[in-house]
Amino acid sequence: MFEGETPVYWVIPKYDFVAEHRIFNKGEKYPVYARDYEYTLVGENGSFNFTDIGFKRLMKAWKPDVDFEEVTDDVKSES
C-alpha cells in the first residue's frame, strides 16, 4: 500500500501506549503518509486515516505523548 512512498511525518512515542487498539512503542518511529487529502498513521498493528483537520487535531492532542518529526526534502533525498 505504501511501499516506496516517503512519509511526511514520523510519530515517535515518549512511552508505550495503545490508541483504539493500535499499539505504539516508546522510541519507535511510526510513519504518517499523505495521500489524496488524507493522512494515514501506521501503528504496530493497524493504521488510522485522518482528514487534514483531523490530523492537526491529533497532533495537538498527542503532543504531550509523542514527538512529531517532519520529513523534509533533505531527509527524502537521503533515502
C-alpha atoms as a PDB file:
ATOM      1  CA  MET A   1       0.000   0.000   0.000  1.00  0.00           C
ATOM      2  CA  PHE A   2       2.729   2.486   0.950  1.00  0.00           C
ATOM      3  CA  GLU A   3       5.742   0.594  -0.382  1.00  0.00           C
ATOM      4  CA  GLY A   4       8.248   3.012  -1.837  1.00  0.00           C
ATOM      5  CA  GLU A   5       6.395   6.069  -0.531  1.00  0.00           C
ATOM      6  CA  THR A   6       8.143   8.528   1.769  1.00  0.00           C
ATOM      7  CA  PRO A   7       6.325   9.519   4.944  1.00  0.00           C
ATOM      8  CA  VAL A   8       5.602  13.190   5.622  1.00  0.00           C
ATOM      9  CA  TYR A   9       5.986  12.748   9.403  1.00  0.00           C
ATOM     10  CA  TRP A  10       7.359  10.284  11.900  1.00  0.00           C
ATOM     11  CA  VAL A  11       5.445   9.792  15.152  1.00  0.00           C
ATOM     12  CA  ILE A  12       7.830   8.898  17.989  1.00  0.00           C
ATOM     13  CA  PRO A  13       6.112   7.905  21.264  1.00  0.00           C
ATOM     14  CA  LYS A  14       7.595   9.046  24.584  1.00  0.00           C
ATOM     15  CA  TYR A  15       6.255   5.873  26.248  1.00  0.00           C
ATOM     16  CA  ASP A  16       4.342   2.710  25.231  1.00  0.00           C
ATOM     17  CA  PHE A  17       0.628   3.253  24.701  1.00  0.00           C
ATOM     18  CA  VAL A  18      -2.438   1.928  22.899  1.00  0.00           C
ATOM     19  CA  ALA A  19      -4.914   4.105  20.999  1.00  0.00           C
ATOM     20  CA  GLU A  20      -8.108   2.450  19.781  1.00  0.00           C
ATOM     21  CA  HIS A  21      -6.390  -0.944  19.871  1.00  0.00           C
ATOM     22  CA  ARG A  22      -3.388   0.293  17.842  1.00  0.00           C
ATOM     23  CA  ILE A  23      -0.068  -0.237  19.610  1.00  0.00           C
ATOM     24  CA  PHE A  24       2.698   2.384  19.745  1.00  0.00           C
ATOM     25  CA  ASN A  25       6.023   1.532  21.404  1.00  0.00           C
ATOM     26  CA  LYS A  26       8.327   4.032  23.094  1.00  0.00           C
ATOM     27  CA  GLY A  27      11.099   5.312  20.851  1.00  0.00           C
ATOM     28  CA  GLU A  28       9.876   3.591  17.684  1.00  0.00           C
ATOM     29  CA  LYS A  29       9.231   5.685  14.572  1.00  0.00           C
ATOM     30  CA  TYR A  30       5.776   5.317  13.048  1.00  0.00           C
ATOM     31  CA  PRO A  31       5.199   6.767   9.567  1.00  0.00           C
ATOM     32  CA  VAL A  32       2.484   9.181   8.530  1.00  0.00           C
ATOM     33  CA  TYR A  33       1.707   9.253   4.810  1.00  0.00           C
ATOM     34  CA  ALA A  34      -0.184  11.971   2.945  1.00  0.00           C
ATOM     35  CA  ARG A  35      -2.422  10.741   0.151  1.00  0.00           C
ATOM     36  CA  ASP A  36      -5.358  12.323  -1.665  1.00  0.00           C
ATOM     37  CA  TYR A  37      -6.475  14.802   1.003  1.00  0.00           C
ATOM     38  CA  GLU A  38      -5.920  12.442   3.905  1.00  0.00           C
ATOM     39  CA  TYR A  39      -3.190  11.295   6.248  1.00  0.00           C
ATOM     40  CA  THR A  40      -2.535   7.698   7.268  1.00  0.00           C
ATOM     41  CA  LEU A  41      -0.700   6.935  10.516  1.00  0.00           C
ATOM     42  CA  VAL A  42       0.621   3.372  10.629  1.00  0.00           C
ATOM     43  CA  GLY A  43       0.960   1.757  14.079  1.00  0.00           C
ATOM     44  CA  GLU A  44       2.266  -1.683  15.096  1.00  0.00           C
ATOM     45  CA  ASN A  45      -0.965  -3.481  14.328  1.00  0.00           C
ATOM     46  CA  GLY A  46      -3.084  -1.187  12.203  1.00  0.00           C
ATOM     47  CA  SER A  47      -3.484   2.301  10.856  1.00  0.00           C
ATOM     48  CA  PHE A  48      -5.594   5.421  11.259  1.00  0.00           C
ATOM     49  CA  ASN A  49      -6.876   7.653   8.448  1.00  0.00           C
ATOM     50  CA  PHE A  50      -7.401  11.365   9.080  1.00  0.00           C
ATOM     51  CA  THR A  51      -8.532  14.395   7.140  1.00  0.00           C
ATOM     52  CA  ASP A  52      -6.195  17.398   7.260  1.00  0.00           C
ATOM     53  CA  ILE A  53      -8.223  18.920  10.101  1.00  0.00           C
ATOM     54  CA  GLY A  54      -8.343  15.602  11.950  1.00  0.00           C
ATOM     55  CA  PHE A  55      -4.595  15.128  11.708  1.00  0.00           C
ATOM     56  CA  LYS A  56      -3.938  18.658  13.002  1.00  0.00           C
ATOM     57  CA  ARG A  57      -6.218  17.885  15.960  1.00  0.00           C
ATOM     58  CA  LEU A  58      -4.371  14.615  16.572  1.00  0.00           C
ATOM     59  CA  MET A  59      -1.029  16.434  16.572  1.00  0.00           C
ATOM     60  CA  LYS A  60      -2.330  18.880  19.170  1.00  0.00           C
ATOM     61  CA  ALA A  61      -3.920  16.157  21.336  1.00  0.00           C
ATOM     62  CA  TRP A  62      -0.910  13.809  21.209  1.00  0.00           C
ATOM     63  CA  LYS A  63       1.770  16.493  21.617  1.00  0.00           C
ATOM     64  CA  PRO A  64       2.389  15.627  25.310  1.00  0.00           C
ATOM     65  CA  ASP A  65       2.745  11.925  24.437  1.00  0.00           C
ATOM     66  CA  VAL A  66       4.702  11.813  21.174  1.00  0.00           C
ATOM     67  CA  ASP A  67       7.195  13.764  19.113  1.00  0.00           C
ATOM     68  CA  PHE A  68       6.199  14.591  15.543  1.00  0.00           C
ATOM     69  CA  GLU A  69       9.225  14.705  13.261  1.00  0.00           C
ATOM     70  CA  GLU A  70       8.500  16.314   9.907  1.00  0.00           C
ATOM     71  CA  VAL A  71      10.232  14.647   6.963  1.00  0.00           C
ATOM     72  CA  THR A  72      11.999  17.364   4.980  1.00  0.00           C
ATOM     73  CA  ASP A  73      13.307  17.322   1.418  1.00  0.00           C
ATOM     74  CA  ASP A  74      16.831  16.843   2.851  1.00  0.00           C
ATOM     75  CA  VAL A  75      15.744  13.654   4.586  1.00  0.00           C
ATOM     76  CA  LYS A  76      13.846  12.453   1.487  1.00  0.00           C
ATOM     77  CA  SER A  77      16.906  12.878  -0.719  1.00  0.00           C
ATOM     78  CA  GLU A  78      19.000  10.745   1.668  1.00  0.00           C
ATOM     79  CA  SER A  79      16.629   7.772   1.250  1.00  0.00           C
END
